[in-house]
N, C-alpha and C. Protein backbone atom coordinates (compact mmCIF):
# COMPACT_ATOMS: atom_id res chain seq x y z
N MET A 1 0.90 -1.18 -0.07
CA MET A 1 0.04 -0.06 -0.15
C MET A 1 0.80 1.42 -0.27
N LYS A 2 0.61 2.24 -1.06
CA LYS A 2 1.69 3.25 -1.00
C LYS A 2 0.76 4.33 -0.62
N ILE A 3 1.29 5.37 0.67
CA ILE A 3 0.60 6.59 1.18
C ILE A 3 1.16 7.88 0.30
N THR A 4 0.37 8.54 0.28
CA THR A 4 0.66 9.77 -0.64
C THR A 4 0.41 11.25 0.37
N ASN A 5 1.14 11.99 0.13
CA ASN A 5 0.65 13.34 0.80
C ASN A 5 -0.18 14.28 -0.55
N GLU A 6 -1.28 14.60 0.37
CA GLU A 6 -2.44 14.90 -0.38
C GLU A 6 -1.72 16.62 -0.85
N GLN A 7 -1.29 17.08 -0.09
CA GLN A 7 -0.91 18.65 0.51
C GLN A 7 0.67 19.22 -0.83
N LEU A 8 1.34 17.82 -0.97
CA LEU A 8 2.79 17.98 -1.66
C LEU A 8 2.02 17.64 -3.11
N GLN A 9 0.76 16.88 -3.37
CA GLN A 9 0.52 16.70 -4.81
C GLN A 9 -0.12 18.28 -5.19
N ALA A 10 -0.37 18.66 -4.93
CA ALA A 10 -1.40 19.93 -4.86
C ALA A 10 -0.30 20.52 -4.91
N LEU A 11 0.66 20.96 -4.17
CA LEU A 11 1.74 21.86 -4.42
C LEU A 11 2.26 21.74 -6.06
N GLN A 12 2.75 20.80 -5.64
CA GLN A 12 2.96 20.49 -7.24
C GLN A 12 2.07 20.58 -8.66
N GLN A 13 1.17 20.11 -8.16
CA GLN A 13 -0.20 20.70 -9.36
C GLN A 13 0.24 22.00 -9.85
N GLU A 14 0.05 23.00 -8.58
CA GLU A 14 0.18 24.37 -8.79
C GLU A 14 1.44 24.56 -9.57
N GLU A 15 2.44 24.30 -9.06
CA GLU A 15 3.92 24.80 -9.61
C GLU A 15 3.88 24.27 -11.04
N ALA A 16 3.49 22.80 -11.41
CA ALA A 16 3.27 22.70 -13.15
C ALA A 16 2.00 23.95 -13.58
N LYS A 17 1.28 24.21 -13.28
CA LYS A 17 0.54 25.38 -13.79
C LYS A 17 1.27 26.43 -14.34
N LYS A 18 1.75 26.93 -13.26
CA LYS A 18 2.71 28.16 -13.02
C LYS A 18 3.41 28.17 -14.17
N LYS A 19 4.30 27.26 -14.57
CA LYS A 19 5.22 26.95 -15.52
C LYS A 19 4.50 26.67 -16.57
N GLN A 20 3.26 26.35 -16.76
CA GLN A 20 2.89 25.94 -18.12
C GLN A 20 2.24 27.35 -18.66
N ARG A 21 1.58 28.18 -17.69
CA ARG A 21 1.09 29.80 -17.86
C ARG A 21 2.51 30.63 -18.27
N SER A 22 3.26 30.16 -17.64
CA SER A 22 5.03 31.12 -18.18
C SER A 22 5.46 30.69 -19.32
N ALA A 23 5.22 29.76 -19.73
CA ALA A 23 5.64 29.16 -21.05
C ALA A 23 4.78 29.54 -22.44
N ALA A 24 3.73 29.59 -22.08
CA ALA A 24 2.68 30.36 -22.91
C ALA A 24 2.88 31.39 -23.49
N PRO A 25 2.82 31.39 -24.71
CA PRO A 25 2.61 33.42 -25.22
C PRO A 25 1.32 34.05 -24.56
N GLY A 26 1.86 35.36 -24.42
CA GLY A 26 0.75 36.02 -24.40
C GLY A 26 -0.32 36.32 -25.49
N PHE A 27 -1.42 36.67 -25.04
CA PHE A 27 -2.58 36.83 -26.15
C PHE A 27 -2.17 37.65 -27.46
N ASP A 28 -1.93 38.57 -26.84
CA ASP A 28 -1.45 39.82 -27.60
C ASP A 28 -0.68 39.22 -29.08
N SER A 29 0.27 38.57 -28.24
CA SER A 29 1.15 37.86 -29.83
C SER A 29 0.58 37.01 -30.58
N LEU A 30 -0.20 36.10 -29.75
CA LEU A 30 -0.74 34.84 -30.59
C LEU A 30 -1.76 36.11 -31.66
N LEU A 31 -2.73 36.88 -31.03
CA LEU A 31 -3.62 37.63 -31.62
C LEU A 31 -2.40 38.22 -33.15
N ALA A 32 -1.73 39.30 -32.56
CA ALA A 32 -0.91 39.57 -33.84
C ALA A 32 -0.33 38.41 -34.65
N GLY A 33 -0.20 36.99 -34.40
CA GLY A 33 0.61 36.12 -35.12
C GLY A 33 -0.50 35.99 -35.92
N LYS A 34 -1.48 35.38 -35.52
CA LYS A 34 -2.58 34.71 -36.63
C LYS A 34 -3.16 36.23 -37.33
N LEU A 35 -3.43 37.32 -37.27
CA LEU A 35 -4.02 38.15 -37.80
C LEU A 35 -2.42 38.51 -39.01
N GLN A 36 -1.39 38.83 -38.78
CA GLN A 36 -0.84 38.92 -39.72
C GLN A 36 0.45 37.61 -40.28
N GLY A 37 0.02 36.57 -39.68
CA GLY A 37 1.26 35.29 -40.03
C GLY A 37 1.84 35.24 -38.77
N THR A 38 3.08 34.40 -39.15
CA THR A 38 3.82 34.66 -38.10
C THR A 38 4.99 35.67 -38.40
N GLU A 39 5.12 36.42 -39.18
CA GLU A 39 6.11 37.38 -38.99
C GLU A 39 5.38 38.71 -39.00
N GLY A 40 5.98 39.67 -38.49
CA GLY A 40 5.56 40.58 -38.22
C GLY A 40 5.07 41.11 -37.42
N THR A 41 5.17 40.16 -36.16
CA THR A 41 4.80 39.58 -34.64
C THR A 41 4.96 41.04 -33.85
N GLU A 42 6.57 41.45 -34.05
CA GLU A 42 6.77 42.48 -33.43
C GLU A 42 6.16 43.78 -34.19
N GLU A 43 5.85 44.34 -35.23
CA GLU A 43 5.51 45.05 -35.79
C GLU A 43 3.89 44.98 -34.89
N ALA A 44 3.21 44.14 -34.82
CA ALA A 44 2.27 43.86 -34.52
C ALA A 44 1.99 44.47 -32.81
N GLN A 45 3.13 44.45 -32.32
CA GLN A 45 2.82 44.29 -30.72
C GLN A 45 2.87 45.89 -30.75
N ALA A 46 3.93 46.33 -31.54
CA ALA A 46 3.77 48.18 -31.14
C ALA A 46 2.86 48.61 -31.82
N ALA A 47 2.18 48.14 -32.57
CA ALA A 47 0.76 49.12 -33.59
C ALA A 47 -0.49 48.67 -32.57
N LEU A 48 -0.17 47.53 -31.42
CA LEU A 48 -1.34 47.44 -30.44
C LEU A 48 -0.90 48.11 -29.39
N PRO A 49 -2.34 48.61 -28.33
CA PRO A 49 -1.90 49.54 -27.31
C PRO A 49 -1.41 48.78 -26.00
N PRO A 50 -0.94 49.37 -25.07
CA PRO A 50 -0.78 48.18 -23.78
C PRO A 50 -2.78 47.37 -23.38
N PRO A 51 -2.25 46.36 -22.57
CA PRO A 51 -3.69 46.11 -21.98
C PRO A 51 -4.47 47.03 -20.95
N GLY A 52 -5.42 47.36 -21.07
CA GLY A 52 -5.99 48.39 -20.18
C GLY A 52 -6.24 49.61 -20.98
N ALA A 53 -5.06 50.03 -21.74
CA ALA A 53 -5.16 51.71 -22.00
C ALA A 53 -6.29 52.02 -23.12
N GLY A 54 -6.56 50.84 -23.64
CA GLY A 54 -7.57 50.88 -24.99
C GLY A 54 -8.72 51.23 -24.54
N ALA A 55 -9.32 51.76 -23.25
CA ALA A 55 -10.48 51.33 -22.65
C ALA A 55 -11.48 52.92 -23.09
N VAL A 56 -12.15 52.87 -24.34
CA VAL A 56 -12.64 53.94 -24.86
C VAL A 56 -14.18 52.93 -25.47
N ASN A 57 -15.73 53.94 -24.97
CA ASN A 57 -16.80 53.59 -25.41
C ASN A 57 -16.81 53.96 -27.36
N PRO A 58 -16.97 52.72 -27.85
CA PRO A 58 -17.29 53.03 -29.10
C PRO A 58 -18.35 53.82 -29.85
N LEU A 59 -19.30 54.05 -28.85
CA LEU A 59 -20.48 54.57 -29.11
C LEU A 59 -20.04 56.42 -29.08
N LEU A 60 -19.12 56.70 -27.85
CA LEU A 60 -18.07 57.63 -28.40
C LEU A 60 -17.60 58.04 -29.51
N MET A 61 -16.87 56.87 -29.82
CA MET A 61 -16.05 57.35 -31.29
C MET A 61 -17.00 57.86 -32.10
N VAL A 62 -18.40 57.17 -32.63
CA VAL A 62 -19.10 57.23 -33.87
C VAL A 62 -19.81 58.91 -33.38
N GLN A 63 -19.92 59.22 -32.25
CA GLN A 63 -20.75 60.64 -31.79
C GLN A 63 -19.42 61.81 -31.83
N GLN A 64 -18.24 61.49 -31.87
CA GLN A 64 -17.13 61.98 -32.29
C GLN A 64 -17.30 62.43 -33.69
N THR A 65 -17.21 61.57 -34.85
CA THR A 65 -17.00 61.25 -35.81
C THR A 65 -17.80 61.74 -36.48
N THR A 66 -19.42 61.55 -36.00
CA THR A 66 -20.56 62.51 -37.01
C THR A 66 -20.44 63.87 -36.35
N GLN A 67 -19.81 64.64 -35.30
CA GLN A 67 -20.26 65.93 -34.63
C GLN A 67 -18.91 66.51 -35.66
N GLN A 68 -17.64 65.67 -36.15
CA GLN A 68 -16.98 66.50 -36.95
C GLN A 68 -17.63 66.52 -38.60
N ALA A 69 -18.54 65.38 -38.90
CA ALA A 69 -19.08 65.76 -39.99
C ALA A 69 -19.76 66.64 -40.35
N SER A 70 -20.66 67.12 -39.28
CA SER A 70 -21.54 68.08 -39.88
C SER A 70 -21.22 69.61 -39.03
N SER A 71 -21.67 70.82 -39.39
CA SER A 71 -21.25 71.81 -39.15
C SER A 71 -21.99 72.49 -37.79
N VAL A 72 -22.95 72.02 -37.41
CA VAL A 72 -24.06 72.51 -36.30
C VAL A 72 -23.37 71.28 -35.37
N PRO A 73 -23.33 71.95 -34.14
CA PRO A 73 -23.01 71.42 -32.51
C PRO A 73 -24.22 71.16 -32.29
N LEU A 74 -24.18 70.05 -31.54
CA LEU A 74 -25.10 69.60 -30.80
C LEU A 74 -25.62 70.32 -29.50
N SER A 75 -24.50 71.16 -29.47
CA SER A 75 -24.95 72.02 -27.59
C SER A 75 -25.65 72.93 -28.28
N GLY A 76 -25.74 73.47 -29.52
CA GLY A 76 -26.95 74.71 -29.71
C GLY A 76 -27.80 73.90 -30.09
N VAL A 77 -28.50 72.94 -30.01
CA VAL A 77 -29.52 72.01 -30.41
C VAL A 77 -29.92 71.76 -28.89
N ALA A 78 -28.79 71.50 -27.74
CA ALA A 78 -29.58 71.31 -26.87
C ALA A 78 -29.95 72.57 -25.94
N ASP A 79 -29.46 73.32 -26.11
CA ASP A 79 -29.96 75.16 -25.60
C ASP A 79 -30.76 74.99 -26.19
N SER A 80 -31.18 74.92 -27.42
CA SER A 80 -33.06 75.12 -28.13
C SER A 80 -33.93 74.64 -27.51
N LEU A 81 -33.51 73.30 -27.06
CA LEU A 81 -34.38 72.28 -26.47
C LEU A 81 -34.72 72.64 -24.55
N ASP A 82 -33.60 73.43 -24.19
CA ASP A 82 -34.03 74.02 -23.10
C ASP A 82 -34.45 74.96 -23.06
N GLY A 83 -34.40 75.96 -23.88
CA GLY A 83 -35.61 77.12 -23.99
C GLY A 83 -36.55 76.62 -24.20
N MET A 84 -37.06 75.46 -24.96
CA MET A 84 -38.52 75.24 -25.37
C MET A 84 -39.06 74.55 -24.27
N LEU A 85 -38.40 74.18 -23.40
CA LEU A 85 -38.92 73.25 -22.29
C LEU A 85 -39.34 74.26 -21.39
N ASP A 86 -38.53 75.43 -21.11
CA ASP A 86 -38.94 76.34 -20.36
C ASP A 86 -40.08 77.36 -20.85
N ASN A 87 -40.16 77.54 -21.94
CA ASN A 87 -41.10 77.84 -22.66
C ASN A 87 -42.76 76.95 -22.20
N TRP A 88 -42.35 75.50 -22.33
CA TRP A 88 -43.79 74.54 -22.18
C TRP A 88 -44.00 74.75 -20.48
N GLU A 89 -42.82 74.73 -20.17
CA GLU A 89 -43.57 75.61 -18.82
C GLU A 89 -44.02 76.79 -18.22
N ASN A 90 -44.07 77.91 -19.10
CA ASN A 90 -44.97 78.93 -19.14
C ASN A 90 -46.09 78.35 -19.70
N TYR A 91 -46.33 77.82 -20.46
CA TYR A 91 -47.52 77.40 -20.96
C TYR A 91 -48.40 76.98 -20.20
N SER A 92 -47.83 75.72 -19.57
CA SER A 92 -48.45 74.94 -18.44
C SER A 92 -49.31 75.82 -17.31
N ARG A 93 -48.33 76.89 -16.61
CA ARG A 93 -48.21 77.58 -16.07
C ARG A 93 -49.70 78.54 -16.23
N ILE A 94 -49.94 78.92 -17.51
CA ILE A 94 -50.72 79.92 -18.34
C ILE A 94 -51.84 78.76 -18.12
N ILE A 95 -52.12 77.64 -18.94
CA ILE A 95 -53.14 77.02 -19.00
C ILE A 95 -53.89 76.23 -17.72
N GLY A 96 -52.60 75.98 -16.79
CA GLY A 96 -53.36 75.95 -15.36
C GLY A 96 -54.05 76.62 -14.94
N GLN A 97 -53.99 77.94 -15.08
CA GLN A 97 -54.62 79.36 -14.14
C GLN A 97 -56.11 79.15 -15.40
N GLN A 98 -56.34 78.03 -15.06
CA GLN A 98 -58.10 78.10 -16.33
C GLN A 98 -59.10 78.87 -15.07
N GLY A 99 -59.92 79.87 -15.74
CA GLY A 99 -60.70 80.35 -15.04
C GLY A 99 -60.47 81.62 -14.92
N ALA A 100 -60.64 82.69 -14.18
CA ALA A 100 -60.46 84.24 -14.12
C ALA A 100 -59.48 84.70 -14.89
N GLY A 101 -58.11 84.12 -14.96
CA GLY A 101 -56.92 84.92 -15.63
C GLY A 101 -56.51 84.06 -16.64
N THR A 102 -56.76 83.02 -16.94
CA THR A 102 -56.32 82.79 -18.42
C THR A 102 -56.47 83.63 -19.49
N ASP A 103 -55.13 83.73 -20.03
CA ASP A 103 -55.00 84.35 -21.70
C ASP A 103 -54.59 83.61 -21.98
N LEU A 104 -55.64 82.93 -22.96
CA LEU A 104 -55.51 81.88 -24.09
C LEU A 104 -54.51 82.66 -25.36
N ARG A 105 -54.70 83.91 -25.16
CA ARG A 105 -53.96 84.51 -26.53
C ARG A 105 -52.16 84.38 -26.18
N SER A 106 -51.78 84.86 -24.99
CA SER A 106 -49.85 84.42 -24.71
C SER A 106 -49.86 82.93 -24.69
N ALA A 107 -50.69 81.99 -24.31
CA ALA A 107 -50.57 80.81 -24.34
C ALA A 107 -50.34 80.55 -25.90
N TYR A 108 -51.15 80.74 -26.48
CA TYR A 108 -51.00 80.04 -28.32
C TYR A 108 -49.68 80.98 -28.70
N SER A 109 -49.44 82.14 -28.53
CA SER A 109 -48.35 82.50 -28.74
C SER A 109 -46.79 81.89 -28.37
N THR A 110 -47.10 81.49 -27.02
CA THR A 110 -46.03 80.65 -26.69
C THR A 110 -45.85 79.20 -27.45
N LEU A 111 -46.97 78.62 -27.59
CA LEU A 111 -47.00 77.67 -28.72
C LEU A 111 -46.43 77.89 -29.80
N GLU A 112 -46.73 79.15 -30.57
CA GLU A 112 -46.26 79.52 -32.03
C GLU A 112 -44.43 79.33 -31.89
N SER A 113 -44.13 79.77 -30.47
CA SER A 113 -42.60 80.35 -30.21
C SER A 113 -42.25 79.57 -30.32
N ILE A 114 -42.58 77.91 -29.60
CA ILE A 114 -42.42 76.72 -29.57
C ILE A 114 -42.39 76.08 -30.55
N GLY A 115 -43.50 76.29 -31.63
CA GLY A 115 -43.41 75.60 -32.96
C GLY A 115 -42.01 76.05 -34.12
N ASN A 116 -41.99 77.28 -34.25
CA ASN A 116 -41.01 77.98 -34.61
C ASN A 116 -39.95 77.45 -34.18
N ASP A 117 -39.56 77.50 -32.88
CA ASP A 117 -38.26 76.90 -32.57
C ASP A 117 -37.87 75.74 -32.86
N LEU A 118 -38.69 74.77 -32.91
CA LEU A 118 -39.08 73.63 -33.40
C LEU A 118 -38.30 73.24 -34.97
N ALA A 119 -39.53 74.02 -35.91
CA ALA A 119 -39.27 74.43 -37.08
C ALA A 119 -37.75 74.80 -37.58
N ARG A 120 -37.22 75.57 -36.81
CA ARG A 120 -35.48 76.20 -37.08
C ARG A 120 -34.55 75.33 -36.58
N ILE A 121 -34.63 74.13 -35.61
CA ILE A 121 -34.40 73.17 -35.29
C ILE A 121 -34.36 71.83 -36.61
N ARG A 122 -35.06 72.12 -36.81
CA ARG A 122 -35.55 70.81 -37.95
C ARG A 122 -34.34 71.33 -39.60
N GLN A 123 -35.01 72.75 -39.39
CA GLN A 123 -34.00 73.18 -40.94
C GLN A 123 -32.49 73.21 -40.26
N THR A 124 -32.40 73.74 -39.45
CA THR A 124 -30.76 73.85 -39.13
C THR A 124 -29.92 72.24 -38.93
N VAL A 125 -30.50 71.06 -38.12
CA VAL A 125 -29.90 69.95 -38.12
C VAL A 125 -31.35 69.26 -38.45
N PRO A 126 -31.17 68.77 -40.11
CA PRO A 126 -32.00 67.96 -40.25
C PRO A 126 -31.62 66.17 -40.33
N ASP A 127 -30.51 65.77 -39.71
CA ASP A 127 -30.13 64.62 -39.67
C ASP A 127 -30.05 64.08 -38.04
N LEU A 128 -30.82 64.88 -37.07
CA LEU A 128 -30.98 64.90 -36.01
C LEU A 128 -30.98 63.61 -35.16
N ASP A 129 -32.15 63.05 -36.23
CA ASP A 129 -32.52 61.76 -35.57
C ASP A 129 -31.09 60.53 -35.73
N ALA A 130 -30.57 60.52 -36.96
CA ALA A 130 -29.28 59.73 -37.50
C ALA A 130 -28.22 59.85 -36.09
N ARG A 131 -27.95 61.29 -36.20
CA ARG A 131 -26.51 61.92 -35.09
C ARG A 131 -27.08 61.88 -34.01
N HIS A 132 -28.42 61.89 -33.23
CA HIS A 132 -28.48 61.84 -31.57
C HIS A 132 -29.90 61.33 -31.70
N PRO A 133 -29.80 60.12 -31.77
CA PRO A 133 -31.73 59.47 -31.72
C PRO A 133 -32.33 60.37 -30.39
N GLY A 134 -31.59 60.11 -29.22
CA GLY A 134 -32.53 61.07 -28.40
C GLY A 134 -32.56 62.37 -28.45
N MET A 135 -32.15 62.90 -28.76
CA MET A 135 -32.46 64.40 -29.17
C MET A 135 -33.73 64.74 -30.02
N GLY A 136 -33.39 63.69 -30.97
CA GLY A 136 -34.31 63.54 -32.29
C GLY A 136 -35.67 63.33 -31.85
N GLN A 137 -35.45 62.14 -30.80
CA GLN A 137 -37.22 61.62 -30.26
C GLN A 137 -37.65 62.84 -29.57
N MET A 138 -37.01 63.58 -28.77
CA MET A 138 -37.29 65.12 -27.85
C MET A 138 -37.65 65.62 -28.88
N VAL A 139 -37.27 66.13 -29.73
CA VAL A 139 -37.95 66.76 -30.57
C VAL A 139 -39.00 66.57 -31.51
N ASN A 140 -38.67 65.36 -32.02
CA ASN A 140 -40.89 64.75 -32.69
C ASN A 140 -41.53 64.90 -31.02
N GLU A 141 -41.39 64.35 -30.01
CA GLU A 141 -42.32 64.38 -28.98
C GLU A 141 -42.88 65.93 -28.59
N LEU A 142 -42.05 67.04 -29.25
CA LEU A 142 -42.35 68.18 -28.74
C LEU A 142 -43.11 68.89 -29.84
N GLU A 143 -42.85 68.34 -30.78
CA GLU A 143 -44.00 68.72 -32.28
C GLU A 143 -45.19 67.96 -32.05
N VAL A 144 -45.33 66.95 -31.36
CA VAL A 144 -46.67 66.39 -31.26
C VAL A 144 -47.78 67.33 -30.15
N MET A 145 -46.64 67.14 -29.25
CA MET A 145 -47.41 68.11 -27.96
C MET A 145 -47.41 69.32 -28.20
N THR A 146 -47.09 69.89 -29.42
CA THR A 146 -47.59 71.49 -29.70
C THR A 146 -48.73 71.48 -30.55
N THR A 147 -48.61 70.13 -31.69
CA THR A 147 -49.82 70.22 -32.53
C THR A 147 -50.80 70.18 -31.71
N THR A 148 -50.66 69.08 -30.48
CA THR A 148 -52.00 68.41 -30.14
C THR A 148 -52.37 69.77 -29.50
N GLU A 149 -51.89 70.63 -28.57
CA GLU A 149 -51.95 71.89 -27.64
C GLU A 149 -52.67 73.09 -28.56
N ARG A 150 -52.27 73.29 -29.96
CA ARG A 150 -52.94 73.99 -30.80
C ARG A 150 -54.37 73.69 -31.19
N PHE A 151 -54.22 72.33 -31.73
CA PHE A 151 -55.69 71.96 -32.14
C PHE A 151 -56.79 71.94 -31.05
N LYS A 152 -56.55 71.83 -29.69
CA LYS A 152 -57.05 71.86 -28.45
C LYS A 152 -57.66 72.97 -27.95
N ILE A 153 -57.13 73.84 -28.09
CA ILE A 153 -57.03 75.62 -28.27
C ILE A 153 -57.99 76.05 -29.19
N ASN A 154 -57.95 75.59 -30.25
CA ASN A 154 -58.30 76.06 -31.37
C ASN A 154 -59.63 75.42 -31.71
N ARG A 155 -59.91 74.20 -31.24
CA ARG A 155 -60.83 73.47 -30.76
C ARG A 155 -61.60 74.14 -29.65
N GLY A 156 -61.63 74.43 -28.59
CA GLY A 156 -62.19 75.66 -27.50
C GLY A 156 -62.20 74.52 -26.27
N ASP A 157 -61.37 73.82 -26.28
CA ASP A 157 -61.23 72.77 -24.71
C ASP A 157 -60.71 73.56 -23.57
N TYR A 158 -59.94 74.69 -23.79
CA TYR A 158 -60.04 75.63 -22.94
C TYR A 158 -60.62 77.01 -22.87
N SER A 159 -61.51 76.76 -22.23
CA SER A 159 -62.32 78.13 -22.26
C SER A 159 -61.95 78.93 -21.48
N VAL A 160 -62.42 80.31 -21.83
CA VAL A 160 -61.99 81.10 -20.38
C VAL A 160 -63.21 81.28 -19.69
């Protein structure tokens, strides 16, 4: 009957695994070798960034290239949308005062200014949906709301 030491075997197996890991080539060199054949591995290593250094979100890269392609910055659109949302707050405040002090003419003029701002955004940045889907969706929603509220005022839903 043979007696073996389990701890000694575990230690020997761990050392063998460490040797296999150190003897195996790195992932970067294997990838470069597969991409360019066996020759040119050193050139591929120089072209690849070090591990952990290339943590860039690809969505940000797409947004940067599309911003460079178009002459209108999206920050101007965001500022316009901010102003429109302020106008919507004014409109809702005016409509919310139904009864004695409701001024439907100022509410309608506020809607007209929002509609003009939306039309201006559509003219200056016609590809807004493609460049920034979130802003494009917001502009679409604001257009629907503006049209709906105009219809409600014209129909007489908000009476004095």
